[in-house]
Amino acid sequence: MFLAVLLWTGFGNPAHAQDAGDPVAGENEFRKCRACHMIQDDQGVDIQRGGKAGPNLWNVIGRRIASDEEYRYGPGILEVAEAKPDLVWTEDELVSYITDPNGWLRAQSGDPAARTKMTFRLREGQADLAAYLASVSSGAGETEAATE
């Protein structure tokens, strides 16, 4: 019976939370993000030019929440980062966040009034976008999160 419940809920599959995304389609989805975000590597090379209203998304997958030192985060996400120092952006975590930023922040913080500075919600293609962001990362974000 236990095995049947695991299989029925999807917990028997390690990738149960989200389907694997398509990085090529995700690159297309990133166009919706460019007004506020860029992807610039640690050498200053622009992978995707964009705005600076949001943090640079280079190596975001594997990076601790609210850890881009060049970005001024809002108080809600900073509180989550302080309360959960081991929380990192995984593809699944990012999919949840970009689907409903305020909902994600409220769930993580336990504060029903918490608000994020990010007001845009991606209605579709979230897994693709997360896969794209993972594909343009050098892996340094994972090393940073593991060593700090």
N, C-alpha and C. Protein backbone atom coordinates (compact mmCIF):
# COMPACT_ATOMS: atom_id res chain seq x y z
N MET A 1 0.83 -1.20 0.00
CA MET A 1 0.00 0.00 0.00
C MET A 1 0.86 1.25 0.00
N PHE A 2 1.90 1.28 0.85
CA PHE A 2 2.79 2.44 0.93
C PHE A 2 3.41 2.74 -0.43
N LEU A 3 3.88 1.68 -1.12
CA LEU A 3 4.48 1.86 -2.43
C LEU A 3 3.46 2.43 -3.42
N ALA A 4 2.23 1.97 -3.35
CA ALA A 4 1.19 2.49 -4.24
C ALA A 4 0.96 3.98 -4.01
N VAL A 5 0.97 4.40 -2.76
CA VAL A 5 0.80 5.82 -2.46
C VAL A 5 1.98 6.62 -2.99
N LEU A 6 3.20 6.09 -2.80
CA LEU A 6 4.38 6.78 -3.32
C LEU A 6 4.30 6.96 -4.83
N LEU A 7 3.94 5.89 -5.51
CA LEU A 7 3.86 5.97 -6.96
C LEU A 7 2.73 6.88 -7.41
N TRP A 8 1.60 6.82 -6.74
CA TRP A 8 0.45 7.64 -7.10
C TRP A 8 0.75 9.12 -6.91
N THR A 9 1.45 9.49 -5.85
CA THR A 9 1.75 10.89 -5.59
C THR A 9 2.96 11.38 -6.36
N GLY A 10 3.72 10.47 -6.94
CA GLY A 10 4.90 10.88 -7.69
C GLY A 10 6.15 10.90 -6.86
N PHE A 11 6.07 10.57 -5.57
CA PHE A 11 7.25 10.63 -4.73
C PHE A 11 8.22 9.49 -4.99
N GLY A 12 7.83 8.52 -5.76
CA GLY A 12 8.74 7.45 -6.12
C GLY A 12 9.71 7.88 -7.20
N ASN A 13 9.46 9.00 -7.81
CA ASN A 13 10.29 9.54 -8.88
C ASN A 13 11.09 10.71 -8.35
N PRO A 14 12.44 10.70 -8.44
CA PRO A 14 13.22 11.80 -7.90
C PRO A 14 12.91 13.14 -8.53
N ALA A 15 12.39 13.14 -9.75
CA ALA A 15 12.07 14.40 -10.41
C ALA A 15 10.58 14.69 -10.31
N HIS A 16 9.96 14.26 -9.21
CA HIS A 16 8.51 14.36 -9.09
C HIS A 16 7.99 15.78 -9.07
N ALA A 17 8.74 16.73 -8.54
CA ALA A 17 8.20 18.07 -8.34
C ALA A 17 7.93 18.79 -9.65
N GLN A 18 8.83 18.70 -10.58
CA GLN A 18 8.67 19.42 -11.84
C GLN A 18 9.18 18.53 -12.97
N ASP A 19 8.57 18.68 -14.13
CA ASP A 19 9.09 18.00 -15.30
C ASP A 19 10.36 18.70 -15.74
N ALA A 20 11.24 17.96 -16.37
CA ALA A 20 12.47 18.55 -16.87
C ALA A 20 12.12 19.59 -17.94
N GLY A 21 12.77 20.72 -17.86
CA GLY A 21 12.51 21.78 -18.81
C GLY A 21 13.40 21.71 -20.03
N ASP A 22 13.06 22.49 -21.03
CA ASP A 22 13.80 22.58 -22.28
C ASP A 22 14.58 23.89 -22.28
N PRO A 23 15.92 23.82 -22.18
CA PRO A 23 16.70 25.06 -22.11
C PRO A 23 16.58 25.94 -23.36
N VAL A 24 16.36 25.34 -24.52
CA VAL A 24 16.20 26.13 -25.75
C VAL A 24 14.92 26.96 -25.67
N ALA A 25 13.83 26.32 -25.25
CA ALA A 25 12.57 27.05 -25.05
C ALA A 25 12.72 28.07 -23.93
N GLY A 26 13.50 27.73 -22.91
CA GLY A 26 13.73 28.63 -21.78
C GLY A 26 14.46 29.90 -22.18
N GLU A 27 15.37 29.78 -23.14
CA GLU A 27 16.06 30.98 -23.63
C GLU A 27 15.04 31.94 -24.23
N ASN A 28 14.07 31.40 -24.92
CA ASN A 28 12.98 32.21 -25.48
C ASN A 28 12.16 32.85 -24.36
N GLU A 29 11.86 32.08 -23.31
CA GLU A 29 11.10 32.59 -22.16
C GLU A 29 11.85 33.72 -21.46
N PHE A 30 13.18 33.67 -21.48
CA PHE A 30 13.96 34.69 -20.77
C PHE A 30 13.69 36.09 -21.33
N ARG A 31 13.22 36.19 -22.54
CA ARG A 31 12.91 37.51 -23.11
C ARG A 31 11.92 38.27 -22.24
N LYS A 32 11.05 37.54 -21.55
CA LYS A 32 10.07 38.17 -20.66
C LYS A 32 10.74 38.72 -19.40
N CYS A 33 11.92 38.25 -19.11
CA CYS A 33 12.63 38.62 -17.87
C CYS A 33 13.62 39.76 -18.09
N ARG A 34 13.97 40.03 -19.34
CA ARG A 34 15.05 40.96 -19.66
C ARG A 34 14.79 42.40 -19.23
N ALA A 35 13.55 42.77 -19.04
CA ALA A 35 13.29 44.14 -18.60
C ALA A 35 13.92 44.38 -17.23
N CYS A 36 14.00 43.35 -16.42
CA CYS A 36 14.51 43.50 -15.05
C CYS A 36 15.81 42.74 -14.78
N HIS A 37 16.09 41.69 -15.53
CA HIS A 37 17.23 40.82 -15.24
C HIS A 37 18.18 40.72 -16.42
N MET A 38 19.44 40.51 -16.10
CA MET A 38 20.45 40.20 -17.09
C MET A 38 21.15 38.92 -16.67
N ILE A 39 21.93 38.39 -17.58
CA ILE A 39 22.81 37.28 -17.25
C ILE A 39 24.20 37.72 -17.70
N GLN A 40 25.03 38.00 -16.72
CA GLN A 40 26.40 38.47 -17.00
C GLN A 40 27.34 37.60 -16.18
N ASP A 41 28.31 36.97 -16.86
CA ASP A 41 29.20 36.06 -16.15
C ASP A 41 30.18 36.81 -15.26
N ASP A 42 30.98 36.08 -14.51
CA ASP A 42 31.89 36.70 -13.54
C ASP A 42 33.05 37.45 -14.19
N GLN A 43 33.19 37.33 -15.51
CA GLN A 43 34.19 38.09 -16.24
C GLN A 43 33.60 39.36 -16.86
N GLY A 44 32.31 39.60 -16.63
CA GLY A 44 31.64 40.77 -17.17
C GLY A 44 31.09 40.59 -18.57
N VAL A 45 31.10 39.36 -19.08
CA VAL A 45 30.58 39.08 -20.41
C VAL A 45 29.06 38.91 -20.34
N ASP A 46 28.36 39.66 -21.17
CA ASP A 46 26.90 39.57 -21.21
C ASP A 46 26.48 38.32 -21.98
N ILE A 47 25.77 37.45 -21.31
CA ILE A 47 25.16 36.30 -21.96
C ILE A 47 23.78 36.71 -22.45
N GLN A 48 23.09 37.48 -21.63
CA GLN A 48 21.81 38.10 -21.98
C GLN A 48 21.83 39.51 -21.41
N ARG A 49 21.76 40.48 -22.29
CA ARG A 49 21.64 41.85 -21.81
C ARG A 49 20.25 42.07 -21.26
N GLY A 50 20.17 42.90 -20.26
CA GLY A 50 18.87 43.16 -19.67
C GLY A 50 18.98 44.24 -18.62
N GLY A 51 17.92 44.38 -17.86
CA GLY A 51 17.84 45.42 -16.85
C GLY A 51 18.57 45.06 -15.57
N LYS A 52 18.60 46.04 -14.69
CA LYS A 52 19.26 45.85 -13.39
C LYS A 52 18.28 46.04 -12.24
N ALA A 53 16.99 46.05 -12.54
CA ALA A 53 15.99 46.17 -11.48
C ALA A 53 15.94 44.91 -10.63
N GLY A 54 16.35 43.78 -11.21
CA GLY A 54 16.43 42.50 -10.50
C GLY A 54 17.87 42.03 -10.48
N PRO A 55 18.16 40.99 -9.70
CA PRO A 55 19.53 40.50 -9.62
C PRO A 55 19.99 39.83 -10.91
N ASN A 56 21.30 39.82 -11.10
CA ASN A 56 21.94 39.10 -12.19
C ASN A 56 21.65 37.61 -12.00
N LEU A 57 21.23 36.93 -13.04
CA LEU A 57 20.85 35.53 -12.92
C LEU A 57 21.94 34.55 -13.33
N TRP A 58 23.17 35.04 -13.46
CA TRP A 58 24.31 34.15 -13.73
C TRP A 58 24.50 33.24 -12.51
N ASN A 59 24.58 31.96 -12.75
CA ASN A 59 24.79 30.96 -11.69
C ASN A 59 23.71 30.99 -10.62
N VAL A 60 22.50 31.36 -10.97
CA VAL A 60 21.44 31.41 -9.96
C VAL A 60 21.09 30.01 -9.45
N ILE A 61 21.12 29.01 -10.33
CA ILE A 61 20.83 27.64 -9.88
C ILE A 61 22.01 27.15 -9.05
N GLY A 62 21.72 26.80 -7.81
CA GLY A 62 22.76 26.38 -6.88
C GLY A 62 23.23 27.48 -5.96
N ARG A 63 22.75 28.70 -6.21
CA ARG A 63 23.16 29.85 -5.39
C ARG A 63 22.20 30.01 -4.22
N ARG A 64 22.75 30.43 -3.09
CA ARG A 64 21.90 30.68 -1.92
C ARG A 64 20.90 31.79 -2.24
N ILE A 65 19.74 31.70 -1.62
CA ILE A 65 18.69 32.69 -1.79
C ILE A 65 19.21 34.06 -1.36
N ALA A 66 18.92 35.08 -2.16
CA ALA A 66 19.27 36.48 -1.84
C ALA A 66 20.75 36.67 -1.55
N SER A 67 21.61 36.10 -2.39
CA SER A 67 23.05 36.17 -2.11
C SER A 67 23.87 36.96 -3.13
N ASP A 68 23.22 37.59 -4.11
CA ASP A 68 23.95 38.43 -5.06
C ASP A 68 24.32 39.73 -4.34
N GLU A 69 25.59 39.89 -4.05
CA GLU A 69 26.05 41.03 -3.26
C GLU A 69 25.85 42.37 -3.95
N GLU A 70 25.66 42.36 -5.26
CA GLU A 70 25.49 43.61 -6.00
C GLU A 70 24.03 44.03 -6.12
N TYR A 71 23.13 43.29 -5.52
CA TYR A 71 21.71 43.59 -5.63
C TYR A 71 21.13 43.89 -4.26
N ARG A 72 20.24 44.88 -4.21
CA ARG A 72 19.56 45.23 -2.96
C ARG A 72 18.21 44.52 -2.91
N TYR A 73 18.16 43.47 -2.14
CA TYR A 73 16.94 42.67 -2.01
C TYR A 73 15.96 43.34 -1.07
N GLY A 74 14.69 42.97 -1.20
CA GLY A 74 13.66 43.45 -0.30
C GLY A 74 13.74 42.74 1.05
N PRO A 75 13.10 43.31 2.06
CA PRO A 75 13.20 42.75 3.40
C PRO A 75 12.62 41.33 3.53
N GLY A 76 11.58 41.02 2.79
CA GLY A 76 10.96 39.70 2.91
C GLY A 76 11.89 38.57 2.53
N ILE A 77 12.53 38.69 1.37
CA ILE A 77 13.41 37.62 0.92
C ILE A 77 14.70 37.59 1.75
N LEU A 78 15.11 38.74 2.25
CA LEU A 78 16.28 38.76 3.14
C LEU A 78 15.99 38.02 4.44
N GLU A 79 14.77 38.16 4.94
CA GLU A 79 14.39 37.43 6.16
C GLU A 79 14.40 35.92 5.92
N VAL A 80 13.92 35.50 4.74
CA VAL A 80 13.95 34.07 4.40
C VAL A 80 15.40 33.59 4.32
N ALA A 81 16.25 34.37 3.67
CA ALA A 81 17.66 33.98 3.53
C ALA A 81 18.34 33.87 4.89
N GLU A 82 18.00 34.76 5.80
CA GLU A 82 18.59 34.73 7.14
C GLU A 82 18.06 33.54 7.95
N ALA A 83 16.77 33.29 7.84
CA ALA A 83 16.16 32.20 8.60
C ALA A 83 16.52 30.82 8.04
N LYS A 84 16.79 30.77 6.73
CA LYS A 84 17.09 29.49 6.06
C LYS A 84 18.39 29.63 5.26
N PRO A 85 19.53 29.71 5.95
CA PRO A 85 20.79 29.97 5.25
C PRO A 85 21.22 28.86 4.28
N ASP A 86 20.66 27.68 4.41
CA ASP A 86 21.01 26.59 3.50
C ASP A 86 20.09 26.49 2.29
N LEU A 87 19.10 27.36 2.21
CA LEU A 87 18.15 27.33 1.09
C LEU A 87 18.82 27.89 -0.16
N VAL A 88 18.84 27.10 -1.22
CA VAL A 88 19.45 27.52 -2.48
C VAL A 88 18.41 27.43 -3.59
N TRP A 89 18.68 28.18 -4.65
CA TRP A 89 17.82 28.12 -5.82
C TRP A 89 18.10 26.83 -6.58
N THR A 90 17.16 25.92 -6.54
CA THR A 90 17.19 24.75 -7.40
C THR A 90 16.24 25.06 -8.56
N GLU A 91 16.24 24.21 -9.56
CA GLU A 91 15.29 24.44 -10.65
C GLU A 91 13.86 24.39 -10.13
N ASP A 92 13.56 23.44 -9.26
CA ASP A 92 12.20 23.33 -8.71
C ASP A 92 11.84 24.55 -7.87
N GLU A 93 12.78 25.01 -7.05
CA GLU A 93 12.52 26.17 -6.19
C GLU A 93 12.27 27.41 -7.05
N LEU A 94 13.06 27.57 -8.11
CA LEU A 94 12.90 28.71 -9.00
C LEU A 94 11.56 28.65 -9.73
N VAL A 95 11.16 27.46 -10.16
CA VAL A 95 9.85 27.30 -10.82
C VAL A 95 8.74 27.76 -9.88
N SER A 96 8.81 27.35 -8.63
CA SER A 96 7.79 27.76 -7.65
C SER A 96 7.79 29.27 -7.47
N TYR A 97 8.97 29.86 -7.39
CA TYR A 97 9.08 31.30 -7.18
C TYR A 97 8.53 32.09 -8.36
N ILE A 98 8.93 31.75 -9.57
CA ILE A 98 8.51 32.56 -10.72
C ILE A 98 7.04 32.33 -11.08
N THR A 99 6.46 31.25 -10.60
CA THR A 99 5.03 31.01 -10.80
C THR A 99 4.20 31.95 -9.93
N ASP A 100 4.64 32.15 -8.69
CA ASP A 100 3.92 33.02 -7.75
C ASP A 100 4.92 33.56 -6.72
N PRO A 101 5.63 34.64 -7.05
CA PRO A 101 6.67 35.15 -6.16
C PRO A 101 6.18 35.45 -4.74
N ASN A 102 5.04 36.12 -4.60
CA ASN A 102 4.54 36.43 -3.26
C ASN A 102 4.09 35.16 -2.53
N GLY A 103 3.46 34.25 -3.24
CA GLY A 103 3.04 32.99 -2.63
C GLY A 103 4.24 32.18 -2.13
N TRP A 104 5.31 32.14 -2.95
CA TRP A 104 6.52 31.43 -2.55
C TRP A 104 7.11 32.07 -1.29
N LEU A 105 7.20 33.40 -1.29
CA LEU A 105 7.79 34.11 -0.15
C LEU A 105 6.96 33.89 1.11
N ARG A 106 5.66 33.93 0.98
CA ARG A 106 4.78 33.71 2.14
C ARG A 106 4.93 32.29 2.68
N ALA A 107 5.03 31.32 1.78
CA ALA A 107 5.20 29.93 2.21
C ALA A 107 6.54 29.72 2.89
N GLN A 108 7.58 30.33 2.36
CA GLN A 108 8.91 30.16 2.94
C GLN A 108 9.06 30.89 4.27
N SER A 109 8.46 32.06 4.38
CA SER A 109 8.63 32.89 5.58
C SER A 109 7.61 32.59 6.66
N GLY A 110 6.46 32.06 6.25
CA GLY A 110 5.37 31.86 7.20
C GLY A 110 4.62 33.14 7.50
N ASP A 111 4.96 34.22 6.82
CA ASP A 111 4.32 35.52 7.01
C ASP A 111 3.29 35.73 5.91
N PRO A 112 2.00 35.72 6.24
CA PRO A 112 0.97 35.87 5.21
C PRO A 112 0.94 37.25 4.55
N ALA A 113 1.64 38.21 5.13
CA ALA A 113 1.68 39.55 4.55
C ALA A 113 2.98 39.83 3.80
N ALA A 114 3.88 38.86 3.74
CA ALA A 114 5.18 39.07 3.08
C ALA A 114 4.97 39.41 1.60
N ARG A 115 5.80 40.33 1.11
CA ARG A 115 5.73 40.74 -0.29
C ARG A 115 7.14 40.80 -0.85
N THR A 116 7.24 40.44 -2.11
CA THR A 116 8.52 40.49 -2.79
C THR A 116 8.56 41.68 -3.74
N LYS A 117 9.75 42.09 -4.11
CA LYS A 117 9.90 43.18 -5.08
C LYS A 117 9.55 42.71 -6.49
N MET A 118 9.60 41.40 -6.72
CA MET A 118 9.29 40.86 -8.05
C MET A 118 7.78 40.74 -8.21
N THR A 119 7.23 41.50 -9.11
CA THR A 119 5.78 41.50 -9.31
C THR A 119 5.35 40.64 -10.50
N PHE A 120 6.29 40.29 -11.38
CA PHE A 120 5.96 39.51 -12.58
C PHE A 120 5.77 38.04 -12.22
N ARG A 121 4.74 37.43 -12.79
CA ARG A 121 4.49 35.99 -12.64
C ARG A 121 4.59 35.36 -14.02
N LEU A 122 5.34 34.31 -14.13
CA LEU A 122 5.42 33.59 -15.39
C LEU A 122 4.30 32.56 -15.41
N ARG A 123 3.43 32.63 -16.40
CA ARG A 123 2.24 31.78 -16.46
C ARG A 123 2.52 30.41 -17.08
N GLU A 124 3.53 30.32 -17.92
CA GLU A 124 3.90 29.04 -18.54
C GLU A 124 5.37 29.09 -18.91
N GLY A 125 5.96 27.93 -19.08
CA GLY A 125 7.37 27.86 -19.46
C GLY A 125 8.34 27.99 -18.30
N GLN A 126 7.84 27.85 -17.07
CA GLN A 126 8.70 28.03 -15.90
C GLN A 126 9.83 27.00 -15.85
N ALA A 127 9.51 25.74 -16.10
CA ALA A 127 10.54 24.69 -16.07
C ALA A 127 11.56 24.91 -17.18
N ASP A 128 11.10 25.41 -18.34
CA ASP A 128 12.01 25.71 -19.44
C ASP A 128 12.97 26.83 -19.05
N LEU A 129 12.44 27.87 -18.43
CA LEU A 129 13.29 28.98 -18.00
C LEU A 129 14.32 28.52 -16.98
N ALA A 130 13.90 27.72 -16.02
CA ALA A 130 14.83 27.21 -15.00
C ALA A 130 15.92 26.35 -15.64
N ALA A 131 15.54 25.53 -16.63
CA ALA A 131 16.52 24.70 -17.33
C ALA A 131 17.50 25.57 -18.10
N TYR A 132 17.01 26.64 -18.70
CA TYR A 132 17.90 27.56 -19.41
C TYR A 132 18.89 28.21 -18.45
N LEU A 133 18.39 28.69 -17.32
CA LEU A 133 19.29 29.34 -16.36
C LEU A 133 20.32 28.35 -15.83
N ALA A 134 19.94 27.09 -15.66
CA ALA A 134 20.91 26.07 -15.25
C ALA A 134 21.94 25.84 -16.35
N SER A 135 21.51 25.92 -17.60
CA SER A 135 22.41 25.64 -18.72
C SER A 135 23.45 26.73 -18.94
N VAL A 136 23.17 27.94 -18.50
CA VAL A 136 24.14 29.03 -18.69
C VAL A 136 24.98 29.27 -17.44
N SER A 137 24.85 28.39 -16.48
CA SER A 137 25.66 28.50 -15.27
C SER A 137 26.93 27.69 -15.44
N SER A 138 28.00 28.18 -14.85
CA SER A 138 29.28 27.48 -14.95
C SER A 138 29.43 26.39 -13.92
N GLY A 139 28.50 26.33 -12.96
CA GLY A 139 28.64 25.39 -11.86
C GLY A 139 29.25 26.05 -10.64
N ALA A 140 29.75 27.27 -10.79
CA ALA A 140 30.36 27.97 -9.66
C ALA A 140 29.34 28.25 -8.57
N GLY A 141 28.09 28.48 -8.96
CA GLY A 141 27.06 28.74 -7.96
C GLY A 141 26.86 27.57 -7.02
N GLU A 142 26.96 26.34 -7.54
CA GLU A 142 26.81 25.16 -6.69
C GLU A 142 27.99 25.05 -5.73
N THR A 143 29.19 25.35 -6.21
CA THR A 143 30.37 25.29 -5.36
C THR A 143 30.28 26.33 -4.27
N GLU A 144 29.85 27.55 -4.62
CA GLU A 144 29.73 28.62 -3.64
C GLU A 144 28.76 28.24 -2.53
N ALA A 145 27.61 27.69 -2.90
CA ALA A 145 26.61 27.33 -1.90
C ALA A 145 27.12 26.21 -1.00
N ALA A 146 27.88 25.30 -1.55
CA ALA A 146 28.37 24.18 -0.77
C ALA A 146 29.48 24.57 0.19
N THR A 147 30.22 25.62 -0.14
CA THR A 147 31.38 25.98 0.69
C THR A 147 31.10 27.09 1.68
N GLU A 148 29.99 27.77 1.55
CA GLU A 148 29.72 28.88 2.48
C GLU A 148 28.83 28.46 3.61
